[in-house]
Structures are given as C-alpha cells and as structure tokens.
Amino acid sequence: MDPWLIWLIVAGVLIVAEIFTLTAALGMLGAAALITAGSAAAGLSPPFQFLVFTVVATVTVLFVRPVALRHVIQPQTTRFGVDALVGKAAYVVSDVTGMEGRVRIDGEEWTARSYDETLVIPQGTTVDVMEISGSTALVYPRE
C-alpha cells in the first residue's frame, strides 16, 4: 500500500474521531495527516513524512487550536426566559408591598414584592425589575 494512502486513511480516522469528541485536537492531527499525505504523494521519504507530520501537528495544536477554541467557546451574550426580564420596566397593577402585589411586565401580569421589604409602591407607579424569584418579580420604584 502506498504511504500517501496510509496517511489519507489516518487523516480520515482522526477527522471522524474529532466529530465524536469535539476537542479540536484530533481535527488538527487529522489536518496534519492530510498535509503529510500530500507530501507523501509528492515523493518525500518516510523520515521526512514523519517530520512534516510532527511539525504541522505541533504548529496546529499549539497555535491554531487555542484560536479556534476561543471562537467556539464564547460567553452567552443574550439573556433568555426570566433572566431577560431583570432590568426591565414594569407597571404596578396593584399596590406592591414586601409581601404581595401585581405588576405588568411586557404585557404579562406577574406577582410582585417590593425589593425593599419596608417600601409600599402604589398602583400606577413605574418600577424596575431587580430580580425574579420563582414566579415573583422583586421590584423597586424608578427615581
């Protein structure tokens, strides 16, 4: 069997293994094997093929992989669900105390409590949603 074909098979196995692991390391080694298959097809001797594989694998794993992982693993930029309600304005539907109350947030009515338990917020006041605890909004009046 020709050496370039062996390198091509190794590259295929590594790339398929990368699909299941998603570490980016096996993909980089697969790319190195693919480049080495090209050098083997060009007629390089086996010691130089291993040198090409070693150099390309080292460069890709040490320099390309960290850059690729930085672009893949990014913090979540948008908030979803109840987390998206924190910081929004709400309209007080019924007086809000430290124990009970109702507010309207984006057209939906929520049970509410005052963020400051000693504060009573009258109906018609605009408040900010400070926190969501279960299905209750903790609110504080806007200044």
C-alpha atoms as a PDB file:
ATOM      1  CA  MET A   1       0.000   0.000   0.000  1.00  0.00           C
ATOM      2  CA  ASP A   2       1.296   3.440  -0.896  1.00  0.00           C
ATOM      3  CA  PRO A   3       2.388   5.691   2.012  1.00  0.00           C
ATOM      4  CA  TRP A   4       0.149   8.566   0.860  1.00  0.00           C
ATOM      5  CA  LEU A   5      -2.869   6.255   1.079  1.00  0.00           C
ATOM      6  CA  ILE A   6      -1.943   5.217   4.622  1.00  0.00           C
ATOM      7  CA  TRP A   7      -1.663   8.888   5.636  1.00  0.00           C
ATOM      8  CA  LEU A   8      -5.003   9.576   3.971  1.00  0.00           C
ATOM      9  CA  ILE A   9      -6.656   6.762   5.958  1.00  0.00           C
ATOM     10  CA  VAL A  10      -5.076   8.044   9.196  1.00  0.00           C
ATOM     11  CA  ALA A  11      -6.385  11.541   8.387  1.00  0.00           C
ATOM     12  CA  GLY A  12      -9.882  10.194   7.789  1.00  0.00           C
ATOM     13  CA  VAL A  13      -9.900   8.208  11.025  1.00  0.00           C
ATOM     14  CA  LEU A  14      -8.692  11.228  13.028  1.00  0.00           C
ATOM     15  CA  ILE A  15     -11.247  13.567  11.466  1.00  0.00           C
ATOM     16  CA  VAL A  16     -14.098  11.105  12.103  1.00  0.00           C
ATOM     17  CA  ALA A  17     -12.898  10.700  15.705  1.00  0.00           C
ATOM     18  CA  GLU A  18     -12.931  14.519  16.020  1.00  0.00           C
ATOM     19  CA  ILE A  19     -16.599  14.556  15.092  1.00  0.00           C
ATOM     20  CA  PHE A  20     -17.351  12.447  18.162  1.00  0.00           C
ATOM     21  CA  THR A  21     -15.029  14.230  20.632  1.00  0.00           C
ATOM     22  CA  LEU A  22     -15.268  17.904  19.562  1.00  0.00           C
ATOM     23  CA  THR A  23     -11.928  18.754  21.199  1.00  0.00           C
ATOM     24  CA  ALA A  24     -10.334  20.258  18.062  1.00  0.00           C
ATOM     25  CA  ALA A  25      -7.104  18.369  18.824  1.00  0.00           C
ATOM     26  CA  LEU A  26      -7.914  15.311  16.731  1.00  0.00           C
ATOM     27  CA  GLY A  27      -9.079  17.558  13.904  1.00  0.00           C
ATOM     28  CA  MET A  28      -5.732  19.334  13.919  1.00  0.00           C
ATOM     29  CA  LEU A  29      -3.896  15.992  13.867  1.00  0.00           C
ATOM     30  CA  GLY A  30      -6.162  14.897  11.009  1.00  0.00           C
ATOM     31  CA  ALA A  31      -5.223  18.051   9.089  1.00  0.00           C
ATOM     32  CA  ALA A  32      -1.549  17.312   9.730  1.00  0.00           C
ATOM     33  CA  ALA A  33      -2.026  13.764   8.413  1.00  0.00           C
ATOM     34  CA  LEU A  34      -3.791  15.147   5.354  1.00  0.00           C
ATOM     35  CA  ILE A  35      -0.901  17.515   4.597  1.00  0.00           C
ATOM     36  CA  THR A  36       1.519  14.661   5.179  1.00  0.00           C
ATOM     37  CA  ALA A  37      -0.448  12.544   2.678  1.00  0.00           C
ATOM     38  CA  GLY A  38       0.172  15.295   0.132  1.00  0.00           C
ATOM     39  CA  SER A  39       3.892  15.329   0.893  1.00  0.00           C
ATOM     40  CA  ALA A  40       3.989  11.510   0.616  1.00  0.00           C
ATOM     41  CA  ALA A  41       2.240  11.704  -2.756  1.00  0.00           C
ATOM     42  CA  ALA A  42       4.898  14.233  -3.823  1.00  0.00           C
ATOM     43  CA  GLY A  43       7.545  11.583  -3.136  1.00  0.00           C
ATOM     44  CA  LEU A  44       9.089  12.514   0.232  1.00  0.00           C
ATOM     45  CA  SER A  45      10.811   9.678   2.049  1.00  0.00           C
ATOM     46  CA  PRO A  46       9.167   8.234   5.195  1.00  0.00           C
ATOM     47  CA  PRO A  47      11.517  10.015   7.673  1.00  0.00           C
ATOM     48  CA  PHE A  48      10.644  13.371   6.078  1.00  0.00           C
ATOM     49  CA  GLN A  49       6.959  12.441   6.083  1.00  0.00           C
ATOM     50  CA  PHE A  50       7.114  11.935   9.856  1.00  0.00           C
ATOM     51  CA  LEU A  51       8.970  15.237  10.174  1.00  0.00           C
ATOM     52  CA  VAL A  52       6.249  17.024   8.166  1.00  0.00           C
ATOM     53  CA  PHE A  53       3.555  15.395  10.312  1.00  0.00           C
ATOM     54  CA  THR A  54       5.342  16.343  13.547  1.00  0.00           C
ATOM     55  CA  VAL A  55       5.917  19.956  12.539  1.00  0.00           C
ATOM     56  CA  VAL A  56       2.393  20.527  11.188  1.00  0.00           C
ATOM     57  CA  ALA A  57       0.755  18.769  14.158  1.00  0.00           C
ATOM     58  CA  THR A  58       2.809  20.786  16.651  1.00  0.00           C
ATOM     59  CA  VAL A  59       2.058  24.100  14.949  1.00  0.00           C
ATOM     60  CA  THR A  60      -1.661  23.426  14.638  1.00  0.00           C
ATOM     61  CA  VAL A  61      -2.138  22.093  18.174  1.00  0.00           C
ATOM     62  CA  LEU A  62      -0.074  24.829  19.826  1.00  0.00           C
ATOM     63  CA  PHE A  63      -1.136  27.837  17.767  1.00  0.00           C
ATOM     64  CA  VAL A  64      -4.295  27.172  15.744  1.00  0.00           C
ATOM     65  CA  ARG A  65      -6.288  25.160  18.315  1.00  0.00           C
ATOM     66  CA  PRO A  66      -6.332  27.891  21.020  1.00  0.00           C
ATOM     67  CA  VAL A  67      -7.562  30.436  18.471  1.00  0.00           C
ATOM     68  CA  ALA A  68     -10.252  28.040  17.245  1.00  0.00           C
ATOM     69  CA  LEU A  69     -11.425  27.270  20.784  1.00  0.00           C
ATOM     70  CA  ARG A  70     -11.653  30.989  21.623  1.00  0.00           C
ATOM     71  CA  HIS A  71     -14.068  31.436  18.732  1.00  0.00           C
ATOM     72  CA  VAL A  72     -16.125  28.352  19.611  1.00  0.00           C
ATOM     73  CA  ILE A  73     -16.397  28.835  23.378  1.00  0.00           C
ATOM     74  CA  GLN A  74     -17.916  32.276  23.869  1.00  0.00           C
ATOM     75  CA  PRO A  75     -19.993  33.526  26.760  1.00  0.00           C
ATOM     76  CA  GLN A  76     -23.724  33.815  26.260  1.00  0.00           C
ATOM     77  CA  THR A  77     -24.434  37.380  25.117  1.00  0.00           C
ATOM     78  CA  THR A  78     -28.209  37.423  25.279  1.00  0.00           C
ATOM     79  CA  ARG A  79     -30.399  36.527  28.216  1.00  0.00           C
ATOM     80  CA  PHE A  80     -33.412  34.254  27.791  1.00  0.00           C
ATOM     81  CA  GLY A  81     -36.508  33.440  29.780  1.00  0.00           C
ATOM     82  CA  VAL A  82     -36.974  35.129  33.138  1.00  0.00           C
ATOM     83  CA  ASP A  83     -33.350  36.327  33.122  1.00  0.00           C
ATOM     84  CA  ALA A  84     -34.276  38.653  30.257  1.00  0.00           C
ATOM     85  CA  LEU A  85     -36.844  40.404  32.479  1.00  0.00           C
ATOM     86  CA  VAL A  86     -34.291  41.617  35.027  1.00  0.00           C
ATOM     87  CA  GLY A  87     -33.656  45.320  34.461  1.00  0.00           C
ATOM     88  CA  LYS A  88     -36.874  45.925  32.530  1.00  0.00           C
ATOM     89  CA  ALA A  89     -39.520  48.443  33.464  1.00  0.00           C
ATOM     90  CA  ALA A  90     -42.798  47.262  34.926  1.00  0.00           C
ATOM     91  CA  TYR A  91     -46.122  48.951  35.681  1.00  0.00           C
ATOM     92  CA  VAL A  92     -47.696  48.410  39.103  1.00  0.00           C
ATOM     93  CA  VAL A  93     -51.221  46.985  38.698  1.00  0.00           C
ATOM     94  CA  SER A  94     -51.991  46.663  42.424  1.00  0.00           C
ATOM     95  CA  ASP A  95     -50.063  48.058  45.388  1.00  0.00           C
ATOM     96  CA  VAL A  96     -46.763  46.264  45.912  1.00  0.00           C
ATOM     97  CA  THR A  97     -45.524  45.622  49.446  1.00  0.00           C
ATOM     98  CA  GLY A  98     -42.881  43.369  50.902  1.00  0.00           C
ATOM     99  CA  MET A  99     -45.448  40.560  50.920  1.00  0.00           C
ATOM    100  CA  GLU A 100     -47.693  40.944  47.844  1.00  0.00           C
ATOM    101  CA  GLY A 101     -48.607  42.925  44.764  1.00  0.00           C
ATOM    102  CA  ARG A 102     -49.053  42.694  40.981  1.00  0.00           C
ATOM    103  CA  VAL A 103     -47.053  44.242  38.135  1.00  0.00           C
ATOM    104  CA  ARG A 104     -47.276  44.154  34.346  1.00  0.00           C
ATOM    105  CA  ILE A 105     -44.014  43.316  32.559  1.00  0.00           C
ATOM    106  CA  ASP A 106     -44.069  43.361  28.747  1.00  0.00           C
ATOM    107  CA  GLY A 107     -47.847  42.863  28.738  1.00  0.00           C
ATOM    108  CA  GLU A 108     -47.819  39.947  31.191  1.00  0.00           C
ATOM    109  CA  GLU A 109     -49.081  40.221  34.737  1.00  0.00           C
ATOM    110  CA  TRP A 110     -46.738  38.953  37.452  1.00  0.00           C
ATOM    111  CA  THR A 111     -46.964  38.629  41.201  1.00  0.00           C
ATOM    112  CA  ALA A 112     -44.553  41.046  42.784  1.00  0.00           C
ATOM    113  CA  ARG A 113     -42.908  42.033  46.033  1.00  0.00           C
ATOM    114  CA  SER A 114     -41.000  45.145  46.909  1.00  0.00           C
ATOM    115  CA  TYR A 115     -37.218  44.705  46.718  1.00  0.00           C
ATOM    116  CA  ASP A 116     -37.057  46.800  49.882  1.00  0.00           C
ATOM    117  CA  GLU A 117     -39.492  44.985  52.224  1.00  0.00           C
ATOM    118  CA  THR A 118     -40.391  48.159  54.136  1.00  0.00           C
ATOM    119  CA  LEU A 119     -41.447  50.014  50.986  1.00  0.00           C
ATOM    120  CA  VAL A 120     -45.035  50.247  49.707  1.00  0.00           C
ATOM    121  CA  ILE A 121     -45.279  51.039  45.988  1.00  0.00           C
ATOM    122  CA  PRO A 122     -48.676  52.473  44.931  1.00  0.00           C
ATOM    123  CA  GLN A 123     -50.682  51.412  41.890  1.00  0.00           C
ATOM    124  CA  GLY A 124     -49.710  53.211  38.656  1.00  0.00           C
ATOM    125  CA  THR A 125     -46.019  53.554  39.543  1.00  0.00           C
ATOM    126  CA  THR A 126     -43.306  52.532  37.107  1.00  0.00           C
ATOM    127  CA  VAL A 127     -40.776  50.200  38.703  1.00  0.00           C
ATOM    128  CA  ASP A 128     -37.634  48.355  37.690  1.00  0.00           C
ATOM    129  CA  VAL A 129     -37.450  44.575  37.926  1.00  0.00           C
ATOM    130  CA  MET A 130     -34.475  43.867  40.173  1.00  0.00           C
ATOM    131  CA  GLU A 131     -34.766  40.082  40.395  1.00  0.00           C
ATOM    132  CA  ILE A 132     -37.076  37.193  39.559  1.00  0.00           C
ATOM    133  CA  SER A 133     -37.614  34.696  42.354  1.00  0.00           C
ATOM    134  CA  GLY A 134     -39.661  31.755  41.104  1.00  0.00           C
ATOM    135  CA  SER A 135     -42.731  33.405  39.584  1.00  0.00           C
ATOM    136  CA  THR A 136     -42.456  36.584  41.643  1.00  0.00           C
ATOM    137  CA  ALA A 137     -40.801  39.779  40.462  1.00  0.00           C
ATOM    138  CA  LEU A 138     -38.851  41.757  43.042  1.00  0.00           C
ATOM    139  CA  VAL A 139     -39.268  45.398  42.038  1.00  0.00           C
ATOM    140  CA  TYR A 140     -38.019  48.820  43.069  1.00  0.00           C
ATOM    141  CA  PRO A 141     -39.539  52.198  42.105  1.00  0.00           C
ATOM    142  CA  ARG A 142     -37.842  54.236  39.410  1.00  0.00           C
ATOM    143  CA  GLU A 143     -36.335  57.518  40.505  1.00  0.00           C
END
